[in-house]
Amino acid sequence: MQLDYNGGYFNEPTISPPTKDCPELGLTSLHGIHASHPTSELCSASDLALFDDNHPLQILPVGHTTTGGLIVLGFRDDERGTIFLKKAYGDFHYLADGIEDFFGLLEEPPPNE
């Protein structure tokens, strides 16, 4: 199965929390390869510099939330990427075992009232 996504900006869909300790947030953007805007490029030097002792690469920021949090891809020994939420000034929260599962957590934002 091929994913037809390469980053972009979103209409702030809700990320359904997979666990009770994970906050409910909105997704604003995901990074892509050869993105149209430099700030959306996957693996930018500024994103890689966010985490100390990240060599070899263990955590890669891949997106942003409405509250300034990061969506990060963690690398494990079995080479599948686990998706986490890194809250701004807070802890990491597990979201999904891969990007396909992460997309399954996204819910359309509520209509404007």
PDB file of N, CA and C in Angstrom:
ATOM      1  N   MET A   1       0.838  -1.183   0.000  1.00  0.00           N
ATOM      2  CA  MET A   1       0.000   0.000   0.000  1.00  0.00           C
ATOM      3  C   MET A   1       0.879   1.241   0.000  1.00  0.00           C
ATOM      4  N   GLN A   2       0.595   2.155  -0.852  1.00  0.00           N
ATOM      5  CA  GLN A   2       1.360   3.391  -0.934  1.00  0.00           C
ATOM      6  C   GLN A   2       0.556   4.514  -0.295  1.00  0.00           C
ATOM      7  N   LEU A   3       1.226   5.319   0.530  1.00  0.00           N
ATOM      8  CA  LEU A   3       0.564   6.481   1.112  1.00  0.00           C
ATOM      9  C   LEU A   3       0.657   7.642   0.142  1.00  0.00           C
ATOM     10  N   ASP A   4      -0.422   8.361  -0.019  1.00  0.00           N
ATOM     11  CA  ASP A   4      -0.450   9.493  -0.937  1.00  0.00           C
ATOM     12  C   ASP A   4      -0.347  10.815  -0.196  1.00  0.00           C
ATOM     13  N   TYR A   5       0.458  10.864   0.840  1.00  0.00           N
ATOM     14  CA  TYR A   5       0.616  12.075   1.636  1.00  0.00           C
ATOM     15  C   TYR A   5       2.063  12.519   1.571  1.00  0.00           C
ATOM     16  N   ASN A   6       2.278  13.826   1.513  1.00  0.00           N
ATOM     17  CA  ASN A   6       3.626  14.372   1.562  1.00  0.00           C
ATOM     18  C   ASN A   6       3.602  15.669   2.349  1.00  0.00           C
ATOM     19  N   GLY A   7       3.086  15.599   3.541  1.00  0.00           N
ATOM     20  CA  GLY A   7       3.045  16.773   4.385  1.00  0.00           C
ATOM     21  C   GLY A   7       1.950  17.734   3.972  1.00  0.00           C
ATOM     22  N   GLY A   8       1.917  18.859   4.647  1.00  0.00           N
ATOM     23  CA  GLY A   8       0.957  19.891   4.324  1.00  0.00           C
ATOM     24  C   GLY A   8       0.334  20.497   5.557  1.00  0.00           C
ATOM     25  N   TYR A   9      -0.533  21.451   5.315  1.00  0.00           N
ATOM     26  CA  TYR A   9      -1.257  22.133   6.385  1.00  0.00           C
ATOM     27  C   TYR A   9      -2.670  21.580   6.440  1.00  0.00           C
ATOM     28  N   PHE A  10      -3.252  21.587   7.634  1.00  0.00           N
ATOM     29  CA  PHE A  10      -4.538  20.948   7.842  1.00  0.00           C
ATOM     30  C   PHE A  10      -5.537  21.936   8.415  1.00  0.00           C
ATOM     31  N   ASN A  11      -6.793  21.587   8.333  1.00  0.00           N
ATOM     32  CA  ASN A  11      -7.874  22.376   8.901  1.00  0.00           C
ATOM     33  C   ASN A  11      -8.083  21.970  10.357  1.00  0.00           C
ATOM     34  N   GLU A  12      -6.992  21.764  11.041  1.00  0.00           N
ATOM     35  CA  GLU A  12      -6.942  21.428  12.461  1.00  0.00           C
ATOM     36  C   GLU A  12      -7.849  20.264  12.865  1.00  0.00           C
ATOM     37  N   PRO A  13      -7.667  19.100  12.222  1.00  0.00           N
ATOM     38  CA  PRO A  13      -8.433  17.939  12.681  1.00  0.00           C
ATOM     39  C   PRO A  13      -8.007  17.563  14.099  1.00  0.00           C
ATOM     40  N   THR A  14      -8.942  17.012  14.832  1.00  0.00           N
ATOM     41  CA  THR A  14      -8.652  16.553  16.184  1.00  0.00           C
ATOM     42  C   THR A  14      -7.870  15.249  16.103  1.00  0.00           C
ATOM     43  N   ILE A  15      -6.868  15.135  16.955  1.00  0.00           N
ATOM     44  CA  ILE A  15      -6.137  13.880  17.103  1.00  0.00           C
ATOM     45  C   ILE A  15      -6.793  13.143  18.266  1.00  0.00           C
ATOM     46  N   SER A  16      -7.521  12.076  17.969  1.00  0.00           N
ATOM     47  CA  SER A  16      -8.187  11.309  19.027  1.00  0.00           C
ATOM     48  C   SER A  16      -7.147  10.697  19.941  1.00  0.00           C
ATOM     49  N   PRO A  17      -7.176  10.992  21.225  1.00  0.00           N
ATOM     50  CA  PRO A  17      -6.172  10.432  22.126  1.00  0.00           C
ATOM     51  C   PRO A  17      -6.343   8.916  22.264  1.00  0.00           C
ATOM     52  N   PRO A  18      -5.289   8.148  22.023  1.00  0.00           N
ATOM     53  CA  PRO A  18      -5.397   6.690  22.125  1.00  0.00           C
ATOM     54  C   PRO A  18      -5.383   6.179  23.563  1.00  0.00           C
ATOM     55  N   THR A  19      -4.949   7.024  24.499  1.00  0.00           N
ATOM     56  CA  THR A  19      -4.931   6.643  25.912  1.00  0.00           C
ATOM     57  C   THR A  19      -5.553   7.771  26.727  1.00  0.00           C
ATOM     58  N   LYS A  20      -5.975   7.454  27.961  1.00  0.00           N
ATOM     59  CA  LYS A  20      -6.653   8.464  28.775  1.00  0.00           C
ATOM     60  C   LYS A  20      -5.721   9.570  29.260  1.00  0.00           C
ATOM     61  N   ASP A  21      -4.414   9.332  29.316  1.00  0.00           N
ATOM     62  CA  ASP A  21      -3.500  10.377  29.769  1.00  0.00           C
ATOM     63  C   ASP A  21      -3.005  11.277  28.637  1.00  0.00           C
ATOM     64  N   CYS A  22      -3.358  10.964  27.423  1.00  0.00           N
ATOM     65  CA  CYS A  22      -2.953  11.761  26.263  1.00  0.00           C
ATOM     66  C   CYS A  22      -3.986  12.865  26.029  1.00  0.00           C
ATOM     67  N   PRO A  23      -3.543  14.114  25.899  1.00  0.00           N
ATOM     68  CA  PRO A  23      -4.499  15.198  25.668  1.00  0.00           C
ATOM     69  C   PRO A  23      -5.071  15.162  24.253  1.00  0.00           C
ATOM     70  N   GLU A  24      -6.237  15.744  24.092  1.00  0.00           N
ATOM     71  CA  GLU A  24      -6.849  15.880  22.766  1.00  0.00           C
ATOM     72  C   GLU A  24      -6.393  17.209  22.176  1.00  0.00           C
ATOM     73  N   LEU A  25      -5.777  17.150  20.997  1.00  0.00           N
ATOM     74  CA  LEU A  25      -5.237  18.338  20.353  1.00  0.00           C
ATOM     75  C   LEU A  25      -5.625  18.351  18.892  1.00  0.00           C
ATOM     76  N   GLY A  26      -5.350  19.453  18.237  1.00  0.00           N
ATOM     77  CA  GLY A  26      -5.568  19.555  16.802  1.00  0.00           C
ATOM     78  C   GLY A  26      -4.252  19.517  16.054  1.00  0.00           C
ATOM     79  N   LEU A  27      -4.265  18.970  14.859  1.00  0.00           N
ATOM     80  CA  LEU A  27      -3.085  18.899  14.005  1.00  0.00           C
ATOM     81  C   LEU A  27      -3.080  20.108  13.070  1.00  0.00           C
ATOM     82  N   THR A  28      -1.955  20.833  13.023  1.00  0.00           N
ATOM     83  CA  THR A  28      -1.879  21.980  12.118  1.00  0.00           C
ATOM     84  C   THR A  28      -1.071  21.683  10.869  1.00  0.00           C
ATOM     85  N   SER A  29      -0.002  20.878  11.001  1.00  0.00           N
ATOM     86  CA  SER A  29       0.818  20.610   9.823  1.00  0.00           C
ATOM     87  C   SER A  29       1.629  19.337   9.990  1.00  0.00           C
ATOM     88  N   LEU A  30       2.009  18.771   8.859  1.00  0.00           N
ATOM     89  CA  LEU A  30       2.968  17.672   8.793  1.00  0.00           C
ATOM     90  C   LEU A  30       4.053  18.074   7.806  1.00  0.00           C
ATOM     91  N   HIS A  31       5.280  17.676   8.091  1.00  0.00           N
ATOM     92  CA  HIS A  31       6.400  17.975   7.210  1.00  0.00           C
ATOM     93  C   HIS A  31       6.405  17.023   6.017  1.00  0.00           C
ATOM     94  N   GLY A  32       7.029  17.445   4.926  1.00  0.00           N
ATOM     95  CA  GLY A  32       7.112  16.620   3.733  1.00  0.00           C
ATOM     96  C   GLY A  32       8.495  16.705   3.096  1.00  0.00           C
ATOM     97  N   ILE A  33       8.695  15.914   2.087  1.00  0.00           N
ATOM     98  CA  ILE A  33       9.952  15.908   1.331  1.00  0.00           C
ATOM     99  C   ILE A  33       9.781  16.824   0.134  1.00  0.00           C
ATOM    100  N   HIS A  34      10.745  17.727  -0.052  1.00  0.00           N
ATOM    101  CA  HIS A  34      10.668  18.762  -1.099  1.00  0.00           C
ATOM    102  C   HIS A  34       9.402  19.588  -0.928  1.00  0.00           C
ATOM    103  N   ALA A  35       9.153  20.024   0.318  1.00  0.00           N
ATOM    104  CA  ALA A  35       7.958  20.805   0.637  1.00  0.00           C
ATOM    105  C   ALA A  35       7.992  22.159  -0.065  1.00  0.00           C
ATOM    106  N   SER A  36       6.816  22.727  -0.254  1.00  0.00           N
ATOM    107  CA  SER A  36       6.719  24.024  -0.940  1.00  0.00           C
ATOM    108  C   SER A  36       7.253  25.163  -0.084  1.00  0.00           C
ATOM    109  N   HIS A  37       7.276  25.006   1.244  1.00  0.00           N
ATOM    110  CA  HIS A  37       7.794  26.034   2.147  1.00  0.00           C
ATOM    111  C   HIS A  37       8.952  25.448   2.944  1.00  0.00           C
ATOM    112  N   PRO A  38      10.053  26.177   3.088  1.00  0.00           N
ATOM    113  CA  PRO A  38      11.201  25.644   3.837  1.00  0.00           C
ATOM    114  C   PRO A  38      10.852  25.203   5.258  1.00  0.00           C
ATOM    115  N   THR A  39       9.908  25.869   5.899  1.00  0.00           N
ATOM    116  CA  THR A  39       9.546  25.501   7.269  1.00  0.00           C
ATOM    117  C   THR A  39       8.800  24.176   7.341  1.00  0.00           C
ATOM    118  N   SER A  40       8.368  23.672   6.200  1.00  0.00           N
ATOM    119  CA  SER A  40       7.640  22.397   6.171  1.00  0.00           C
ATOM    120  C   SER A  40       8.496  21.238   5.697  1.00  0.00           C
ATOM    121  N   GLU A  41       9.763  21.483   5.478  1.00  0.00           N
ATOM    122  CA  GLU A  41      10.649  20.435   4.970  1.00  0.00           C
ATOM    123  C   GLU A  41      10.987  19.433   6.068  1.00  0.00           C
ATOM    124  N   LEU A  42      10.843  18.159   5.755  1.00  0.00           N
ATOM    125  CA  LEU A  42      11.182  17.085   6.681  1.00  0.00           C
ATOM    126  C   LEU A  42      12.687  17.066   6.908  1.00  0.00           C
ATOM    127  N   CYS A  43      13.097  16.881   8.149  1.00  0.00           N
ATOM    128  CA  CYS A  43      14.514  16.765   8.521  1.00  0.00           C
ATOM    129  C   CYS A  43      15.270  18.080   8.413  1.00  0.00           C
ATOM    130  N   SER A  44      14.620  19.203   8.677  1.00  0.00           N
ATOM    131  CA  SER A  44      15.336  20.476   8.635  1.00  0.00           C
ATOM    132  C   SER A  44      16.340  20.516   9.784  1.00  0.00           C
ATOM    133  N   ALA A  45      17.380  21.282   9.609  1.00  0.00           N
ATOM    134  CA  ALA A  45      18.418  21.396  10.642  1.00  0.00           C
ATOM    135  C   ALA A  45      17.830  21.933  11.943  1.00  0.00           C
ATOM    136  N   SER A  46      16.882  22.858  11.852  1.00  0.00           N
ATOM    137  CA  SER A  46      16.290  23.422  13.074  1.00  0.00           C
ATOM    138  C   SER A  46      15.473  22.378  13.832  1.00  0.00           C
ATOM    139  N   ASP A  47      14.767  21.507  13.121  1.00  0.00           N
ATOM    140  CA  ASP A  47      14.016  20.449  13.801  1.00  0.00           C
ATOM    141  C   ASP A  47      14.948  19.441  14.445  1.00  0.00           C
ATOM    142  N   LEU A  48      16.007  19.087  13.752  1.00  0.00           N
ATOM    143  CA  LEU A  48      16.941  18.099  14.302  1.00  0.00           C
ATOM    144  C   LEU A  48      17.673  18.639  15.522  1.00  0.00           C
ATOM    145  N   ALA A  49      17.843  19.963  15.597  1.00  0.00           N
ATOM    146  CA  ALA A  49      18.555  20.578  16.722  1.00  0.00           C
ATOM    147  C   ALA A  49      17.692  20.695  17.980  1.00  0.00           C
ATOM    148  N   LEU A  50      16.416  20.359  17.890  1.00  0.00           N
ATOM    149  CA  LEU A  50      15.519  20.496  19.037  1.00  0.00           C
ATOM    150  C   LEU A  50      15.829  19.521  20.167  1.00  0.00           C
ATOM    151  N   PHE A  51      16.430  18.405  19.847  1.00  0.00           N
ATOM    152  CA  PHE A  51      16.673  17.367  20.843  1.00  0.00           C
ATOM    153  C   PHE A  51      18.161  17.105  20.994  1.00  0.00           C
ATOM    154  N   ASP A  52      18.646  17.174  22.241  1.00  0.00           N
ATOM    155  CA  ASP A  52      20.041  16.856  22.535  1.00  0.00           C
ATOM    156  C   ASP A  52      20.251  15.352  22.410  1.00  0.00           C
ATOM    157  N   ASP A  53      21.473  14.970  22.169  1.00  0.00           N
ATOM    158  CA  ASP A  53      21.842  13.550  22.115  1.00  0.00           C
ATOM    159  C   ASP A  53      20.945  12.756  21.166  1.00  0.00           C
ATOM    160  N   ASN A  54      20.678  13.313  20.014  1.00  0.00           N
ATOM    161  CA  ASN A  54      19.810  12.664  19.031  1.00  0.00           C
ATOM    162  C   ASN A  54      20.639  12.128  17.859  1.00  0.00           C
ATOM    163  N   HIS A  55      21.832  11.625  18.191  1.00  0.00           N
ATOM    164  CA  HIS A  55      22.689  11.036  17.169  1.00  0.00           C
ATOM    165  C   HIS A  55      23.204   9.713  17.700  1.00  0.00           C
ATOM    166  N   PRO A  56      22.953   8.618  17.030  1.00  0.00           N
ATOM    167  CA  PRO A  56      22.222   8.505  15.778  1.00  0.00           C
ATOM    168  C   PRO A  56      20.763   8.911  15.976  1.00  0.00           C
ATOM    169  N   LEU A  57      20.121   9.255  14.879  1.00  0.00           N
ATOM    170  CA  LEU A  57      18.764   9.775  14.893  1.00  0.00           C
ATOM    171  C   LEU A  57      17.809   8.812  15.600  1.00  0.00           C
ATOM    172  N   GLN A  58      17.132   9.307  16.641  1.00  0.00           N
ATOM    173  CA  GLN A  58      16.169   8.516  17.397  1.00  0.00           C
ATOM    174  C   GLN A  58      14.778   9.143  17.362  1.00  0.00           C
ATOM    175  N   ILE A  59      14.741  10.485  17.259  1.00  0.00           N
ATOM    176  CA  ILE A  59      13.485  11.221  17.270  1.00  0.00           C
ATOM    177  C   ILE A  59      13.518  12.235  16.132  1.00  0.00           C
ATOM    178  N   LEU A  60      12.467  12.234  15.310  1.00  0.00           N
ATOM    179  CA  LEU A  60      12.379  13.159  14.187  1.00  0.00           C
ATOM    180  C   LEU A  60      11.049  13.896  14.240  1.00  0.00           C
ATOM    181  N   PRO A  61      11.056  15.224  14.436  1.00  0.00           N
ATOM    182  CA  PRO A  61       9.807  15.979  14.387  1.00  0.00           C
ATOM    183  C   PRO A  61       9.213  15.905  12.981  1.00  0.00           C
ATOM    184  N   VAL A  62       7.918  15.563  12.906  1.00  0.00           N
ATOM    185  CA  VAL A  62       7.254  15.448  11.603  1.00  0.00           C
ATOM    186  C   VAL A  62       6.009  16.311  11.497  1.00  0.00           C
ATOM    187  N   GLY A  63       5.633  17.020  12.573  1.00  0.00           N
ATOM    188  CA  GLY A  63       4.443  17.853  12.502  1.00  0.00           C
ATOM    189  C   GLY A  63       4.259  18.707  13.734  1.00  0.00           C
ATOM    190  N   HIS A  64       3.176  19.512  13.717  1.00  0.00           N
ATOM    191  CA  HIS A  64       2.886  20.463  14.796  1.00  0.00           C
ATOM    192  C   HIS A  64       1.414  20.388  15.190  1.00  0.00           C
ATOM    193  N   THR A  65       1.147  20.727  16.451  1.00  0.00           N
ATOM    194  CA  THR A  65      -0.224  20.752  16.959  1.00  0.00           C
ATOM    195  C   THR A  65      -0.670  22.190  17.193  1.00  0.00           C
ATOM    196  N   THR A  66      -1.946  22.350  17.475  1.00  0.00           N
ATOM    197  CA  THR A  66      -2.515  23.670  17.700  1.00  0.00           C
ATOM    198  C   THR A  66      -1.998  24.339  18.966  1.00  0.00           C
ATOM    199  N   THR A  67      -1.445  23.571  19.887  1.00  0.00           N
ATOM    200  CA  THR A  67      -0.960  24.135  21.146  1.00  0.00           C
ATOM    201  C   THR A  67       0.564  24.244  21.198  1.00  0.00           C
ATOM    202  N   GLY A  68       1.218  24.160  20.050  1.00  0.00           N
ATOM    203  CA  GLY A  68       2.674  24.283  20.009  1.00  0.00           C
ATOM    204  C   GLY A  68       3.408  22.993  20.271  1.00  0.00           C
ATOM    205  N   GLY A  69       2.705  21.888  20.333  1.00  0.00           N
ATOM    206  CA  GLY A  69       3.348  20.596  20.513  1.00  0.00           C
ATOM    207  C   GLY A  69       3.901  20.073  19.197  1.00  0.00           C
ATOM    208  N   LEU A  70       4.685  19.031  19.305  1.00  0.00           N
ATOM    209  CA  LEU A  70       5.276  18.403  18.126  1.00  0.00           C
ATOM    210  C   LEU A  70       4.733  16.996  17.944  1.00  0.00           C
ATOM    211  N   ILE A  71       4.554  16.607  16.715  1.00  0.00           N
ATOM    212  CA  ILE A  71       4.307  15.217  16.372  1.00  0.00           C
ATOM    213  C   ILE A  71       5.675  14.681  15.975  1.00  0.00           C
ATOM    214  N   VAL A  72       6.135  13.643  16.648  1.00  0.00           N
ATOM    215  CA  VAL A  72       7.471  13.132  16.388  1.00  0.00           C
ATOM    216  C   VAL A  72       7.407  11.659  16.000  1.00  0.00           C
ATOM    217  N   LEU A  73       8.363  11.273  15.192  1.00  0.00           N
ATOM    218  CA  LEU A  73       8.533   9.899  14.764  1.00  0.00           C
ATOM    219  C   LEU A  73       9.699   9.333  15.545  1.00  0.00           C
ATOM    220  N   GLY A  74       9.448   8.260  16.291  1.00  0.00           N
ATOM    221  CA  GLY A  74      10.503   7.594  17.032  1.00  0.00           C
ATOM    222  C   GLY A  74      10.926   6.344  16.288  1.00  0.00           C
ATOM    223  N   PHE A  75      12.211   6.053  16.288  1.00  0.00           N
ATOM    224  CA  PHE A  75      12.721   4.892  15.579  1.00  0.00           C
ATOM    225  C   PHE A  75      13.028   3.792  16.580  1.00  0.00           C
ATOM    226  N   ARG A  76      12.552   2.593  16.264  1.00  0.00           N
ATOM    227  CA  ARG A  76      12.777   1.438  17.125  1.00  0.00           C
ATOM    228  C   ARG A  76      13.619   0.412  16.385  1.00  0.00           C
ATOM    229  N   ASP A  77      14.062  -0.594  17.134  1.00  0.00           N
ATOM    230  CA  ASP A  77      14.927  -1.624  16.561  1.00  0.00           C
ATOM    231  C   ASP A  77      14.288  -2.353  15.392  1.00  0.00           C
ATOM    232  N   ASP A  78      12.966  -2.505  15.392  1.00  0.00           N
ATOM    233  CA  ASP A  78      12.326  -3.242  14.306  1.00  0.00           C
ATOM    234  C   ASP A  78      12.062  -2.356  13.077  1.00  0.00           C
ATOM    235  N   GLU A  79      12.579  -1.135  13.099  1.00  0.00           N
ATOM    236  CA  GLU A  79      12.537  -0.200  11.971  1.00  0.00           C
ATOM    237  C   GLU A  79      11.138   0.286  11.609  1.00  0.00           C
ATOM    238  N   ARG A  80      10.177   0.104  12.495  1.00  0.00           N
ATOM    239  CA  ARG A  80       8.873   0.738  12.302  1.00  0.00           C
ATOM    240  C   ARG A  80       8.890   2.017  13.109  1.00  0.00           C
ATOM    241  N   GLY A  81       8.314   3.061  12.578  1.00  0.00           N
ATOM    242  CA  GLY A  81       8.291   4.328  13.303  1.00  0.00           C
ATOM    243  C   GLY A  81       7.073   4.432  14.194  1.00  0.00           C
ATOM    244  N   THR A  82       7.307   4.746  15.451  1.00  0.00           N
ATOM    245  CA  THR A  82       6.230   4.993  16.392  1.00  0.00           C
ATOM    246  C   THR A  82       5.980   6.488  16.429  1.00  0.00           C
ATOM    247  N   ILE A  83       4.710   6.898  16.445  1.00  0.00           N
ATOM    248  CA  ILE A  83       4.353   8.305  16.451  1.00  0.00           C
ATOM    249  C   ILE A  83       4.019   8.727  17.881  1.00  0.00           C
ATOM    250  N   PHE A  84       4.627   9.844  18.314  1.00  0.00           N
ATOM    251  CA  PHE A  84       4.404  10.385  19.644  1.00  0.00           C
ATOM    252  C   PHE A  84       3.986  11.844  19.546  1.00  0.00           C
ATOM    253  N   LEU A  85       3.312  12.304  20.579  1.00  0.00           N
ATOM    254  CA  LEU A  85       3.061  13.722  20.782  1.00  0.00           C
ATOM    255  C   LEU A  85       4.075  14.206  21.797  1.00  0.00           C
ATOM    256  N   LYS A  86       4.791  15.263  21.486  1.00  0.00           N
ATOM    257  CA  LYS A  86       5.675  15.918  22.456  1.00  0.00           C
ATOM    258  C   LYS A  86       5.011  17.237  22.795  1.00  0.00           C
ATOM    259  N   LYS A  87       4.416  17.312  23.980  1.00  0.00           N
ATOM    260  CA  LYS A  87       3.737  18.532  24.389  1.00  0.00           C
ATOM    261  C   LYS A  87       4.749  19.660  24.538  1.00  0.00           C
ATOM    262  N   ALA A  88       4.336  20.876  24.210  1.00  0.00           N
ATOM    263  CA  ALA A  88       5.194  22.030  24.440  1.00  0.00           C
ATOM    264  C   ALA A  88       5.474  22.111  25.942  1.00  0.00           C
ATOM    265  N   TYR A  89       6.720  22.121  26.303  1.00  0.00           N
ATOM    266  CA  TYR A  89       7.137  22.165  27.711  1.00  0.00           C
ATOM    267  C   TYR A  89       6.565  21.006  28.508  1.00  0.00           C
ATOM    268  N   GLY A  90       6.407  19.855  27.871  1.00  0.00           N
ATOM    269  CA  GLY A  90       5.825  18.721  28.575  1.00  0.00           C
ATOM    270  C   GLY A  90       6.385  17.400  28.121  1.00  0.00           C
ATOM    271  N   ASP A  91       5.671  16.371  28.482  1.00  0.00           N
ATOM    272  CA  ASP A  91       6.096  15.003  28.249  1.00  0.00           C
ATOM    273  C   ASP A  91       5.736  14.497  26.854  1.00  0.00           C
ATOM    274  N   PHE A  92       6.238  13.302  26.573  1.00  0.00           N
ATOM    275  CA  PHE A  92       5.891  12.569  25.363  1.00  0.00           C
ATOM    276  C   PHE A  92       4.673  11.697  25.662  1.00  0.00           C
ATOM    277  N   HIS A  93       3.796  11.554  24.664  1.00  0.00           N
ATOM    278  CA  HIS A  93       2.643  10.672  24.761  1.00  0.00           C
ATOM    279  C   HIS A  93       2.599   9.803  23.509  1.00  0.00           C
ATOM    280  N   TYR A  94       2.409   8.514  23.702  1.00  0.00           N
ATOM    281  CA  TYR A  94       2.264   7.583  22.584  1.00  0.00           C
ATOM    282  C   TYR A  94       0.993   7.909  21.802  1.00  0.00           C
ATOM    283  N   LEU A  95       1.087   7.910  20.461  1.00  0.00           N
ATOM    284  CA  LEU A  95      -0.084   8.098  19.612  1.00  0.00           C
ATOM    285  C   LEU A  95      -0.387   6.872  18.758  1.00  0.00           C
ATOM    286  N   ALA A  96       0.619   6.342  18.058  1.00  0.00           N
ATOM    287  CA  ALA A  96       0.340   5.251  17.115  1.00  0.00           C
ATOM    288  C   ALA A  96       1.615   4.485  16.787  1.00  0.00           C
ATOM    289  N   ASP A  97       1.437   3.273  16.249  1.00  0.00           N
ATOM    290  CA  ASP A  97       2.572   2.440  15.851  1.00  0.00           C
ATOM    291  C   ASP A  97       3.096   2.747  14.457  1.00  0.00           C
ATOM    292  N   GLY A  98       2.505   3.632  13.741  1.00  0.00           N
ATOM    293  CA  GLY A  98       2.968   3.993  12.403  1.00  0.00           C
ATOM    294  C   GLY A  98       2.113   5.107  11.837  1.00  0.00           C
ATOM    295  N   ILE A  99       2.522   5.632  10.701  1.00  0.00           N
ATOM    296  CA  ILE A  99       1.836   6.778  10.118  1.00  0.00           C
ATOM    297  C   ILE A  99       0.410   6.435   9.694  1.00  0.00           C
ATOM    298  N   GLU A 100       0.193   5.231   9.189  1.00  0.00           N
ATOM    299  CA  GLU A 100      -1.166   4.844   8.796  1.00  0.00           C
ATOM    300  C   GLU A 100      -2.094   4.824  10.002  1.00  0.00           C
ATOM    301  N   ASP A 101      -1.628   4.264  11.116  1.00  0.00           N
ATOM    302  CA  ASP A 101      -2.430   4.259  12.337  1.00  0.00           C
ATOM    303  C   ASP A 101      -2.654   5.680  12.851  1.00  0.00           C
ATOM    304  N   PHE A 102      -1.640   6.538  12.708  1.00  0.00           N
ATOM    305  CA  PHE A 102      -1.791   7.941  13.120  1.00  0.00           C
ATOM    306  C   PHE A 102      -2.892   8.628  12.318  1.00  0.00           C
ATOM    307  N   PHE A 103      -2.903   8.421  11.000  1.00  0.00           N
ATOM    308  CA  PHE A 103      -3.952   9.032  10.181  1.00  0.00           C
ATOM    309  C   PHE A 103      -5.333   8.542  10.609  1.00  0.00           C
ATOM    310  N   GLY A 104      -5.416   7.330  11.132  1.00  0.00           N
ATOM    311  CA  GLY A 104      -6.682   6.809  11.628  1.00  0.00           C
ATOM    312  C   GLY A 104      -7.177   7.510  12.882  1.00  0.00           C
ATOM    313  N   LEU A 105      -6.300   8.223  13.590  1.00  0.00           N
ATOM    314  CA  LEU A 105      -6.690   8.963  14.794  1.00  0.00           C
ATOM    315  C   LEU A 105      -7.290  10.323  14.476  1.00  0.00           C
ATOM    316  N   LEU A 106      -7.122  10.791  13.254  1.00  0.00           N
ATOM    317  CA  LEU A 106      -7.574  12.143  12.902  1.00  0.00           C
ATOM    318  C   LEU A 106      -9.082  12.175  12.669  1.00  0.00           C
ATOM    319  N   GLU A 107      -9.713  13.135  13.293  1.00  0.00           N
ATOM    320  CA  GLU A 107     -11.156  13.338  13.147  1.00  0.00           C
ATOM    321  C   GLU A 107     -11.398  14.735  12.610  1.00  0.00           C
ATOM    322  N   GLU A 108     -12.401  14.867  11.778  1.00  0.00           N
ATOM    323  CA  GLU A 108     -12.730  16.162  11.199  1.00  0.00           C
ATOM    324  C   GLU A 108     -13.035  17.154  12.317  1.00  0.00           C
ATOM    325  N   PRO A 109     -12.545  18.388  12.171  1.00  0.00           N
ATOM    326  CA  PRO A 109     -12.810  19.377  13.224  1.00  0.00           C
ATOM    327  C   PRO A 109     -14.293  19.702  13.304  1.00  0.00           C
ATOM    328  N   PRO A 110     -14.746  20.107  14.485  1.00  0.00           N
ATOM    329  CA  PRO A 110     -16.166  20.460  14.606  1.00  0.00           C
ATOM    330  C   PRO A 110     -16.477  21.686  13.737  1.00  0.00           C
ATOM    331  N   PRO A 111     -17.703  21.778  13.230  1.00  0.00           N
ATOM    332  CA  PRO A 111     -18.054  22.932  12.392  1.00  0.00           C
ATOM    333  C   PRO A 111     -18.047  24.211  13.219  1.00  0.00           C
ATOM    334  N   ASN A 112     -17.749  25.320  12.562  1.00  0.00           N
ATOM    335  CA  ASN A 112     -17.777  26.620  13.238  1.00  0.00           C
ATOM    336  C   ASN A 112     -19.212  26.955  13.597  1.00  0.00           C
ATOM    337  N   GLU A 113     -19.361  27.447  14.806  1.00  0.00           N
ATOM    338  CA  GLU A 113     -20.724  27.798  15.234  1.00  0.00           C
ATOM    339  C   GLU A 113     -20.912  29.291  15.223  1.00  0.00           C
TER     340      GLU A 113
END
